[in-house]
Amino acid sequence: MSLNRKTTLQYAVDLLDSTESAIENLIEEIRKPVDKEVSGSARKAELQSIKQTAVDAKEMLQIRQQLEEMIKNLSEGGEIEDEIDFNAGFAERFSKR
């Protein structure tokens, strides 16, 4: 076993730094202008690609926020908590199928 093992907190900070680079790359992709010469289905595909990149950036921001909360919790001596899935609410469980 190595004496230089990283802690969960150190890995979380490394991952947070990596998300920053990823978000910046996604933003740069969104900022690229759409070629005015392109029309029709090619233009639609390019716009769809930009939209998907924006969705990816939004998801990455949410991941970054979760990482920041995790780092704060770990810094305060806490532990990583399991996420609770609330998808199946009261109405969904008792609805007629």
PDB file of N, CA and C in Angstrom:
ATOM      1  N   MET A   1       0.841  -1.169   0.000  1.00  0.00           N
ATOM      2  CA  MET A   1       0.000   0.000   0.000  1.00  0.00           C
ATOM      3  C   MET A   1       0.895   1.242   0.000  1.00  0.00           C
ATOM      4  N   SER A   2       0.581   2.189  -0.807  1.00  0.00           N
ATOM      5  CA  SER A   2       1.372   3.400  -0.955  1.00  0.00           C
ATOM      6  C   SER A   2       1.072   4.398   0.158  1.00  0.00           C
ATOM      7  N   LEU A   3       2.107   5.078   0.601  1.00  0.00           N
ATOM      8  CA  LEU A   3       1.932   6.099   1.629  1.00  0.00           C
ATOM      9  C   LEU A   3       1.393   7.397   1.047  1.00  0.00           C
ATOM     10  N   ASN A   4       1.445   7.539  -0.267  1.00  0.00           N
ATOM     11  CA  ASN A   4       1.004   8.767  -0.931  1.00  0.00           C
ATOM     12  C   ASN A   4      -0.412   8.655  -1.473  1.00  0.00           C
ATOM     13  N   ARG A   5      -1.243   7.855  -0.851  1.00  0.00           N
ATOM     14  CA  ARG A   5      -2.622   7.696  -1.312  1.00  0.00           C
ATOM     15  C   ARG A   5      -3.402   8.978  -1.099  1.00  0.00           C
ATOM     16  N   LYS A   6      -4.213   9.304  -2.067  1.00  0.00           N
ATOM     17  CA  LYS A   6      -5.053  10.494  -1.957  1.00  0.00           C
ATOM     18  C   LYS A   6      -6.295  10.170  -1.141  1.00  0.00           C
ATOM     19  N   THR A   7      -6.814  11.181  -0.505  1.00  0.00           N
ATOM     20  CA  THR A   7      -8.060  11.026   0.238  1.00  0.00           C
ATOM     21  C   THR A   7      -9.234  11.302  -0.705  1.00  0.00           C
ATOM     22  N   THR A   8     -10.399  10.949  -0.246  1.00  0.00           N
ATOM     23  CA  THR A   8     -11.609  11.229  -1.022  1.00  0.00           C
ATOM     24  C   THR A   8     -11.730  12.733  -1.262  1.00  0.00           C
ATOM     25  N   LEU A   9     -11.385  13.516  -0.273  1.00  0.00           N
ATOM     26  CA  LEU A   9     -11.444  14.971  -0.409  1.00  0.00           C
ATOM     27  C   LEU A   9     -10.507  15.445  -1.519  1.00  0.00           C
ATOM     28  N   GLN A  10      -9.294  14.896  -1.561  1.00  0.00           N
ATOM     29  CA  GLN A  10      -8.345  15.303  -2.603  1.00  0.00           C
ATOM     30  C   GLN A  10      -8.847  14.912  -3.996  1.00  0.00           C
ATOM     31  N   TYR A  11      -9.419  13.723  -4.101  1.00  0.00           N
ATOM     32  CA  TYR A  11      -9.981  13.314  -5.387  1.00  0.00           C
ATOM     33  C   TYR A  11     -11.156  14.204  -5.782  1.00  0.00           C
ATOM     34  N   ALA A  12     -11.974  14.569  -4.818  1.00  0.00           N
ATOM     35  CA  ALA A  12     -13.117  15.438  -5.100  1.00  0.00           C
ATOM     36  C   ALA A  12     -12.641  16.802  -5.600  1.00  0.00           C
ATOM     37  N   VAL A  13     -11.591  17.335  -5.002  1.00  0.00           N
ATOM     38  CA  VAL A  13     -11.039  18.624  -5.431  1.00  0.00           C
ATOM     39  C   VAL A  13     -10.457  18.496  -6.841  1.00  0.00           C
ATOM     40  N   ASP A  14      -9.749  17.394  -7.111  1.00  0.00           N
ATOM     41  CA  ASP A  14      -9.222  17.163  -8.463  1.00  0.00           C
ATOM     42  C   ASP A  14     -10.349  17.090  -9.488  1.00  0.00           C
ATOM     43  N   LEU A  15     -11.419  16.392  -9.130  1.00  0.00           N
ATOM     44  CA  LEU A  15     -12.560  16.274 -10.028  1.00  0.00           C
ATOM     45  C   LEU A  15     -13.228  17.623 -10.236  1.00  0.00           C
ATOM     46  N   LEU A  16     -13.312  18.416  -9.185  1.00  0.00           N
ATOM     47  CA  LEU A  16     -13.885  19.758  -9.293  1.00  0.00           C
ATOM     48  C   LEU A  16     -13.068  20.602 -10.269  1.00  0.00           C
ATOM     49  N   ASP A  17     -11.746  20.524 -10.166  1.00  0.00           N
ATOM     50  CA  ASP A  17     -10.884  21.260 -11.089  1.00  0.00           C
ATOM     51  C   ASP A  17     -11.095  20.797 -12.534  1.00  0.00           C
ATOM     52  N   SER A  18     -11.274  19.500 -12.706  1.00  0.00           N
ATOM     53  CA  SER A  18     -11.488  18.957 -14.050  1.00  0.00           C
ATOM     54  C   SER A  18     -12.824  19.410 -14.634  1.00  0.00           C
ATOM     55  N   THR A  19     -13.844  19.517 -13.777  1.00  0.00           N
ATOM     56  CA  THR A  19     -15.142  19.974 -14.283  1.00  0.00           C
ATOM     57  C   THR A  19     -15.041  21.415 -14.758  1.00  0.00           C
ATOM     58  N   GLU A  20     -14.195  22.200 -14.106  1.00  0.00           N
ATOM     59  CA  GLU A  20     -14.014  23.593 -14.534  1.00  0.00           C
ATOM     60  C   GLU A  20     -13.485  23.640 -15.960  1.00  0.00           C
ATOM     61  N   SER A  21     -12.489  22.819 -16.250  1.00  0.00           N
ATOM     62  CA  SER A  21     -11.936  22.773 -17.605  1.00  0.00           C
ATOM     63  C   SER A  21     -12.976  22.284 -18.608  1.00  0.00           C
ATOM     64  N   ALA A  22     -13.741  21.272 -18.222  1.00  0.00           N
ATOM     65  CA  ALA A  22     -14.764  20.729 -19.120  1.00  0.00           C
ATOM     66  C   ALA A  22     -15.835  21.765 -19.422  1.00  0.00           C
ATOM     67  N   ILE A  23     -16.266  22.491 -18.406  1.00  0.00           N
ATOM     68  CA  ILE A  23     -17.294  23.521 -18.598  1.00  0.00           C
ATOM     69  C   ILE A  23     -16.773  24.625 -19.513  1.00  0.00           C
ATOM     70  N   GLU A  24     -15.533  25.028 -19.316  1.00  0.00           N
ATOM     71  CA  GLU A  24     -14.948  26.057 -20.177  1.00  0.00           C
ATOM     72  C   GLU A  24     -14.893  25.584 -21.629  1.00  0.00           C
ATOM     73  N   ASN A  25     -14.533  24.320 -21.836  1.00  0.00           N
ATOM     74  CA  ASN A  25     -14.500  23.775 -23.200  1.00  0.00           C
ATOM     75  C   ASN A  25     -15.893  23.758 -23.833  1.00  0.00           C
ATOM     76  N   LEU A  26     -16.890  23.378 -23.053  1.00  0.00           N
ATOM     77  CA  LEU A  26     -18.265  23.360 -23.569  1.00  0.00           C
ATOM     78  C   LEU A  26     -18.729  24.771 -23.929  1.00  0.00           C
ATOM     79  N   ILE A  27     -18.404  25.733 -23.081  1.00  0.00           N
ATOM     80  CA  ILE A  27     -18.798  27.123 -23.361  1.00  0.00           C
ATOM     81  C   ILE A  27     -18.132  27.622 -24.638  1.00  0.00           C
ATOM     82  N   GLU A  28     -16.877  27.271 -24.830  1.00  0.00           N
ATOM     83  CA  GLU A  28     -16.183  27.678 -26.053  1.00  0.00           C
ATOM     84  C   GLU A  28     -16.847  27.068 -27.289  1.00  0.00           C
ATOM     85  N   GLU A  29     -17.300  25.825 -27.173  1.00  0.00           N
ATOM     86  CA  GLU A  29     -18.004  25.191 -28.299  1.00  0.00           C
ATOM     87  C   GLU A  29     -19.305  25.923 -28.618  1.00  0.00           C
ATOM     88  N   ILE A  30     -20.013  26.348 -27.579  1.00  0.00           N
ATOM     89  CA  ILE A  30     -21.279  27.060 -27.783  1.00  0.00           C
ATOM     90  C   ILE A  30     -21.034  28.419 -28.420  1.00  0.00           C
ATOM     91  N   ARG A  31     -19.946  29.062 -28.060  1.00  0.00           N
ATOM     92  CA  ARG A  31     -19.635  30.400 -28.581  1.00  0.00           C
ATOM     93  C   ARG A  31     -19.239  30.404 -30.048  1.00  0.00           C
ATOM     94  N   LYS A  32     -18.813  29.280 -30.577  1.00  0.00           N
ATOM     95  CA  LYS A  32     -18.411  29.235 -31.984  1.00  0.00           C
ATOM     96  C   LYS A  32     -19.604  29.619 -32.854  1.00  0.00           C
ATOM     97  N   PRO A  33     -19.395  30.515 -33.807  1.00  0.00           N
ATOM     98  CA  PRO A  33     -20.519  30.952 -34.649  1.00  0.00           C
ATOM     99  C   PRO A  33     -20.985  29.840 -35.586  1.00  0.00           C
ATOM    100  N   VAL A  34     -22.265  29.885 -35.888  1.00  0.00           N
ATOM    101  CA  VAL A  34     -22.852  28.949 -36.849  1.00  0.00           C
ATOM    102  C   VAL A  34     -22.516  29.462 -38.237  1.00  0.00           C
ATOM    103  N   ASP A  35     -22.038  28.587 -39.084  1.00  0.00           N
ATOM    104  CA  ASP A  35     -21.662  28.966 -40.439  1.00  0.00           C
ATOM    105  C   ASP A  35     -22.892  29.468 -41.196  1.00  0.00           C
ATOM    106  N   LYS A  36     -22.819  30.697 -41.681  1.00  0.00           N
ATOM    107  CA  LYS A  36     -23.955  31.297 -42.381  1.00  0.00           C
ATOM    108  C   LYS A  36     -24.178  30.688 -43.760  1.00  0.00           C
ATOM    109  N   GLU A  37     -23.169  30.006 -44.275  1.00  0.00           N
ATOM    110  CA  GLU A  37     -23.279  29.374 -45.591  1.00  0.00           C
ATOM    111  C   GLU A  37     -24.079  28.078 -45.522  1.00  0.00           C
ATOM    112  N   VAL A  38     -24.158  27.496 -44.351  1.00  0.00           N
ATOM    113  CA  VAL A  38     -24.849  26.215 -44.192  1.00  0.00           C
ATOM    114  C   VAL A  38     -26.347  26.467 -44.074  1.00  0.00           C
ATOM    115  N   SER A  39     -27.131  25.624 -44.741  1.00  0.00           N
ATOM    116  CA  SER A  39     -28.586  25.769 -44.651  1.00  0.00           C
ATOM    117  C   SER A  39     -29.223  24.380 -44.648  1.00  0.00           C
ATOM    118  N   GLY A  40     -30.514  24.377 -44.394  1.00  0.00           N
ATOM    119  CA  GLY A  40     -31.264  23.127 -44.432  1.00  0.00           C
ATOM    120  C   GLY A  40     -30.936  22.208 -43.282  1.00  0.00           C
ATOM    121  N   SER A  41     -30.849  20.921 -43.595  1.00  0.00           N
ATOM    122  CA  SER A  41     -30.645  19.910 -42.557  1.00  0.00           C
ATOM    123  C   SER A  41     -29.271  20.030 -41.905  1.00  0.00           C
ATOM    124  N   ALA A  42     -28.274  20.498 -42.651  1.00  0.00           N
ATOM    125  CA  ALA A  42     -26.943  20.668 -42.072  1.00  0.00           C
ATOM    126  C   ALA A  42     -26.960  21.762 -41.000  1.00  0.00           C
ATOM    127  N   ARG A  43     -27.681  22.846 -41.271  1.00  0.00           N
ATOM    128  CA  ARG A  43     -27.799  23.928 -40.288  1.00  0.00           C
ATOM    129  C   ARG A  43     -28.571  23.445 -39.061  1.00  0.00           C
ATOM    130  N   LYS A  44     -29.647  22.703 -39.311  1.00  0.00           N
ATOM    131  CA  LYS A  44     -30.447  22.178 -38.209  1.00  0.00           C
ATOM    132  C   LYS A  44     -29.599  21.252 -37.329  1.00  0.00           C
ATOM    133  N   ALA A  45     -28.782  20.428 -37.945  1.00  0.00           N
ATOM    134  CA  ALA A  45     -27.910  19.521 -37.196  1.00  0.00           C
ATOM    135  C   ALA A  45     -26.895  20.299 -36.370  1.00  0.00           C
ATOM    136  N   GLU A  46     -26.361  21.364 -36.947  1.00  0.00           N
ATOM    137  CA  GLU A  46     -25.391  22.180 -36.226  1.00  0.00           C
ATOM    138  C   GLU A  46     -26.042  22.874 -35.032  1.00  0.00           C
ATOM    139  N   LEU A  47     -27.251  23.398 -35.214  1.00  0.00           N
ATOM    140  CA  LEU A  47     -27.974  24.039 -34.117  1.00  0.00           C
ATOM    141  C   LEU A  47     -28.351  23.018 -33.039  1.00  0.00           C
ATOM    142  N   GLN A  48     -28.718  21.824 -33.451  1.00  0.00           N
ATOM    143  CA  GLN A  48     -29.035  20.759 -32.491  1.00  0.00           C
ATOM    144  C   GLN A  48     -27.793  20.389 -31.683  1.00  0.00           C
ATOM    145  N   SER A  49     -26.653  20.378 -32.330  1.00  0.00           N
ATOM    146  CA  SER A  49     -25.394  20.085 -31.648  1.00  0.00           C
ATOM    147  C   SER A  49     -25.080  21.153 -30.600  1.00  0.00           C
ATOM    148  N   ILE A  50     -25.333  22.405 -30.941  1.00  0.00           N
ATOM    149  CA  ILE A  50     -25.117  23.501 -29.990  1.00  0.00           C
ATOM    150  C   ILE A  50     -26.061  23.362 -28.808  1.00  0.00           C
ATOM    151  N   LYS A  51     -27.312  23.023 -29.091  1.00  0.00           N
ATOM    152  CA  LYS A  51     -28.293  22.837 -28.022  1.00  0.00           C
ATOM    153  C   LYS A  51     -27.859  21.708 -27.087  1.00  0.00           C
ATOM    154  N   GLN A  52     -27.408  20.595 -27.643  1.00  0.00           N
ATOM    155  CA  GLN A  52     -26.972  19.462 -26.821  1.00  0.00           C
ATOM    156  C   GLN A  52     -25.746  19.843 -25.993  1.00  0.00           C
ATOM    157  N   THR A  53     -24.866  20.640 -26.558  1.00  0.00           N
ATOM    158  CA  THR A  53     -23.695  21.102 -25.820  1.00  0.00           C
ATOM    159  C   THR A  53     -24.116  21.971 -24.641  1.00  0.00           C
ATOM    160  N   ALA A  54     -25.132  22.815 -24.841  1.00  0.00           N
ATOM    161  CA  ALA A  54     -25.653  23.649 -23.755  1.00  0.00           C
ATOM    162  C   ALA A  54     -26.262  22.779 -22.654  1.00  0.00           C
ATOM    163  N   VAL A  55     -26.987  21.739 -23.039  1.00  0.00           N
ATOM    164  CA  VAL A  55     -27.568  20.814 -22.058  1.00  0.00           C
ATOM    165  C   VAL A  55     -26.451  20.109 -21.284  1.00  0.00           C
ATOM    166  N   ASP A  56     -25.412  19.693 -21.995  1.00  0.00           N
ATOM    167  CA  ASP A  56     -24.269  19.045 -21.344  1.00  0.00           C
ATOM    168  C   ASP A  56     -23.596  19.994 -20.353  1.00  0.00           C
ATOM    169  N   ALA A  57     -23.465  21.264 -20.741  1.00  0.00           N
ATOM    170  CA  ALA A  57     -22.850  22.255 -19.855  1.00  0.00           C
ATOM    171  C   ALA A  57     -23.696  22.450 -18.601  1.00  0.00           C
ATOM    172  N   LYS A  58     -25.012  22.495 -18.769  1.00  0.00           N
ATOM    173  CA  LYS A  58     -25.913  22.637 -17.623  1.00  0.00           C
ATOM    174  C   LYS A  58     -25.758  21.457 -16.668  1.00  0.00           C
ATOM    175  N   GLU A  59     -25.724  20.243 -17.220  1.00  0.00           N
ATOM    176  CA  GLU A  59     -25.547  19.055 -16.388  1.00  0.00           C
ATOM    177  C   GLU A  59     -24.202  19.075 -15.679  1.00  0.00           C
ATOM    178  N   MET A  60     -23.179  19.547 -16.372  1.00  0.00           N
ATOM    179  CA  MET A  60     -21.846  19.632 -15.768  1.00  0.00           C
ATOM    180  C   MET A  60     -21.845  20.644 -14.628  1.00  0.00           C
ATOM    181  N   LEU A  61     -22.574  21.741 -14.785  1.00  0.00           N
ATOM    182  CA  LEU A  61     -22.692  22.720 -13.703  1.00  0.00           C
ATOM    183  C   LEU A  61     -23.383  22.120 -12.485  1.00  0.00           C
ATOM    184  N   GLN A  62     -24.397  21.302 -12.733  1.00  0.00           N
ATOM    185  CA  GLN A  62     -25.083  20.645 -11.619  1.00  0.00           C
ATOM    186  C   GLN A  62     -24.140  19.674 -10.913  1.00  0.00           C
ATOM    187  N   ILE A  63     -23.353  18.951 -11.671  1.00  0.00           N
ATOM    188  CA  ILE A  63     -22.370  18.044 -11.082  1.00  0.00           C
ATOM    189  C   ILE A  63     -21.355  18.833 -10.272  1.00  0.00           C
ATOM    190  N   ARG A  64     -20.928  19.958 -10.824  1.00  0.00           N
ATOM    191  CA  ARG A  64     -19.951  20.805 -10.119  1.00  0.00           C
ATOM    192  C   ARG A  64     -20.530  21.299  -8.795  1.00  0.00           C
ATOM    193  N   GLN A  65     -21.791  21.700  -8.805  1.00  0.00           N
ATOM    194  CA  GLN A  65     -22.429  22.168  -7.579  1.00  0.00           C
ATOM    195  C   GLN A  65     -22.475  21.043  -6.538  1.00  0.00           C
ATOM    196  N   GLN A  66     -22.810  19.834  -6.985  1.00  0.00           N
ATOM    197  CA  GLN A  66     -22.843  18.696  -6.074  1.00  0.00           C
ATOM    198  C   GLN A  66     -21.450  18.409  -5.505  1.00  0.00           C
ATOM    199  N   LEU A  67     -20.439  18.532  -6.357  1.00  0.00           N
ATOM    200  CA  LEU A  67     -19.068  18.331  -5.891  1.00  0.00           C
ATOM    201  C   LEU A  67     -18.668  19.379  -4.856  1.00  0.00           C
ATOM    202  N   GLU A  68     -19.064  20.629  -5.101  1.00  0.00           N
ATOM    203  CA  GLU A  68     -18.753  21.689  -4.133  1.00  0.00           C
ATOM    204  C   GLU A  68     -19.387  21.390  -2.780  1.00  0.00           C
ATOM    205  N   GLU A  69     -20.631  20.905  -2.805  1.00  0.00           N
ATOM    206  CA  GLU A  69     -21.306  20.549  -1.556  1.00  0.00           C
ATOM    207  C   GLU A  69     -20.602  19.371  -0.882  1.00  0.00           C
ATOM    208  N   MET A  70     -20.183  18.391  -1.676  1.00  0.00           N
ATOM    209  CA  MET A  70     -19.483  17.238  -1.147  1.00  0.00           C
ATOM    210  C   MET A  70     -18.162  17.655  -0.500  1.00  0.00           C
ATOM    211  N   ILE A  71     -17.429  18.535  -1.172  1.00  0.00           N
ATOM    212  CA  ILE A  71     -16.144  19.001  -0.645  1.00  0.00           C
ATOM    213  C   ILE A  71     -16.348  19.766   0.655  1.00  0.00           C
ATOM    214  N   LYS A  72     -17.372  20.603   0.677  1.00  0.00           N
ATOM    215  CA  LYS A  72     -17.676  21.342   1.904  1.00  0.00           C
ATOM    216  C   LYS A  72     -17.974  20.372   3.038  1.00  0.00           C
ATOM    217  N   ASN A  73     -18.788  19.364   2.756  1.00  0.00           N
ATOM    218  CA  ASN A  73     -19.155  18.369   3.759  1.00  0.00           C
ATOM    219  C   ASN A  73     -17.929  17.586   4.230  1.00  0.00           C
ATOM    220  N   LEU A  74     -17.094  17.164   3.288  1.00  0.00           N
ATOM    221  CA  LEU A  74     -15.892  16.413   3.650  1.00  0.00           C
ATOM    222  C   LEU A  74     -14.899  17.282   4.424  1.00  0.00           C
ATOM    223  N   SER A  75     -14.816  18.569   4.068  1.00  0.00           N
ATOM    224  CA  SER A  75     -13.909  19.485   4.761  1.00  0.00           C
ATOM    225  C   SER A  75     -14.317  19.705   6.202  1.00  0.00           C
ATOM    226  N   GLU A  76     -15.617  19.599   6.442  1.00  0.00           N
ATOM    227  CA  GLU A  76     -16.128  19.795   7.800  1.00  0.00           C
ATOM    228  C   GLU A  76     -16.126  18.492   8.592  1.00  0.00           C
ATOM    229  N   GLY A  77     -15.481  17.468   8.040  1.00  0.00           N
ATOM    230  CA  GLY A  77     -15.378  16.201   8.753  1.00  0.00           C
ATOM    231  C   GLY A  77     -16.519  15.257   8.499  1.00  0.00           C
ATOM    232  N   GLY A  78     -17.371  15.587   7.570  1.00  0.00           N
ATOM    233  CA  GLY A  78     -18.515  14.735   7.272  1.00  0.00           C
ATOM    234  C   GLY A  78     -18.136  13.598   6.348  1.00  0.00           C
ATOM    235  N   GLU A  79     -19.134  12.889   5.904  1.00  0.00           N
ATOM    236  CA  GLU A  79     -18.948  11.782   4.988  1.00  0.00           C
ATOM    237  C   GLU A  79     -19.800  11.993   3.753  1.00  0.00           C
ATOM    238  N   ILE A  80     -19.522  11.217   2.732  1.00  0.00           N
ATOM    239  CA  ILE A  80     -20.315  11.266   1.513  1.00  0.00           C
ATOM    240  C   ILE A  80     -21.634  10.574   1.799  1.00  0.00           C
ATOM    241  N   GLU A  81     -22.726  11.261   1.471  1.00  0.00           N
ATOM    242  CA  GLU A  81     -24.054  10.713   1.721  1.00  0.00           C
ATOM    243  C   GLU A  81     -24.609  10.088   0.461  1.00  0.00           C
ATOM    244  N   ASP A  82     -25.393   9.044   0.625  1.00  0.00           N
ATOM    245  CA  ASP A  82     -26.084   8.431  -0.503  1.00  0.00           C
ATOM    246  C   ASP A  82     -27.202   9.355  -0.956  1.00  0.00           C
ATOM    247  N   GLU A  83     -27.400   9.405  -2.287  1.00  0.00           N
ATOM    248  CA  GLU A  83     -28.507  10.199  -2.812  1.00  0.00           C
ATOM    249  C   GLU A  83     -29.797   9.412  -2.635  1.00  0.00           C
ATOM    250  N   ILE A  84     -30.845  10.112  -2.317  1.00  0.00           N
ATOM    251  CA  ILE A  84     -32.154   9.491  -2.169  1.00  0.00           C
ATOM    252  C   ILE A  84     -32.966   9.811  -3.413  1.00  0.00           C
ATOM    253  N   ASP A  85     -33.555   8.791  -3.992  1.00  0.00           N
ATOM    254  CA  ASP A  85     -34.340   8.964  -5.210  1.00  0.00           C
ATOM    255  C   ASP A  85     -35.802   9.167  -4.829  1.00  0.00           C
ATOM    256  N   PHE A  86     -36.326  10.339  -5.169  1.00  0.00           N
ATOM    257  CA  PHE A  86     -37.713  10.664  -4.869  1.00  0.00           C
ATOM    258  C   PHE A  86     -38.591  10.588  -6.113  1.00  0.00           C
ATOM    259  N   ASN A  87     -38.166   9.875  -7.144  1.00  0.00           N
ATOM    260  CA  ASN A  87     -38.920   9.821  -8.398  1.00  0.00           C
ATOM    261  C   ASN A  87     -40.314   9.242  -8.222  1.00  0.00           C
ATOM    262  N   ALA A  88     -40.447   8.212  -7.434  1.00  0.00           N
ATOM    263  CA  ALA A  88     -41.760   7.591  -7.250  1.00  0.00           C
ATOM    264  C   ALA A  88     -42.413   8.191  -6.014  1.00  0.00           C
ATOM    265  N   GLY A  89     -43.213   9.224  -6.238  1.00  0.00           N
ATOM    266  CA  GLY A  89     -43.886   9.899  -5.138  1.00  0.00           C
ATOM    267  C   GLY A  89     -45.153   9.179  -4.740  1.00  0.00           C
ATOM    268  N   PHE A  90     -45.870   9.774  -3.841  1.00  0.00           N
ATOM    269  CA  PHE A  90     -47.098   9.193  -3.291  1.00  0.00           C
ATOM    270  C   PHE A  90     -48.100   8.860  -4.389  1.00  0.00           C
ATOM    271  N   ALA A  91     -48.353   9.813  -5.269  1.00  0.00           N
ATOM    272  CA  ALA A  91     -49.365   9.615  -6.328  1.00  0.00           C
ATOM    273  C   ALA A  91     -48.943   8.513  -7.281  1.00  0.00           C
ATOM    274  N   GLU A  92     -47.653   8.447  -7.624  1.00  0.00           N
ATOM    275  CA  GLU A  92     -47.177   7.443  -8.558  1.00  0.00           C
ATOM    276  C   GLU A  92     -47.311   6.038  -7.967  1.00  0.00           C
ATOM    277  N   ARG A  93     -47.079   5.892  -6.692  1.00  0.00           N
ATOM    278  CA  ARG A  93     -47.148   4.578  -6.060  1.00  0.00           C
ATOM    279  C   ARG A  93     -48.577   4.045  -5.995  1.00  0.00           C
ATOM    280  N   PHE A  94     -49.563   4.922  -5.885  1.00  0.00           N
ATOM    281  CA  PHE A  94     -50.940   4.490  -5.701  1.00  0.00           C
ATOM    282  C   PHE A  94     -51.818   4.696  -6.935  1.00  0.00           C
ATOM    283  N   SER A  95     -51.196   5.064  -8.044  1.00  0.00           N
ATOM    284  CA  SER A  95     -51.993   5.264  -9.258  1.00  0.00           C
ATOM    285  C   SER A  95     -52.419   3.917  -9.824  1.00  0.00           C
ATOM    286  N   LYS A  96     -53.560   3.894 -10.524  1.00  0.00           N
ATOM    287  CA  LYS A  96     -54.050   2.651 -11.141  1.00  0.00           C
ATOM    288  C   LYS A  96     -53.206   2.352 -12.352  1.00  0.00           C
ATOM    289  N   ARG A  97     -52.828   1.111 -12.454  1.00  0.00           N
ATOM    290  CA  ARG A  97     -51.985   0.713 -13.593  1.00  0.00           C
ATOM    291  C   ARG A  97     -52.725  -0.194 -14.493  1.00  0.00           C
TER     292      ARG A  97
END
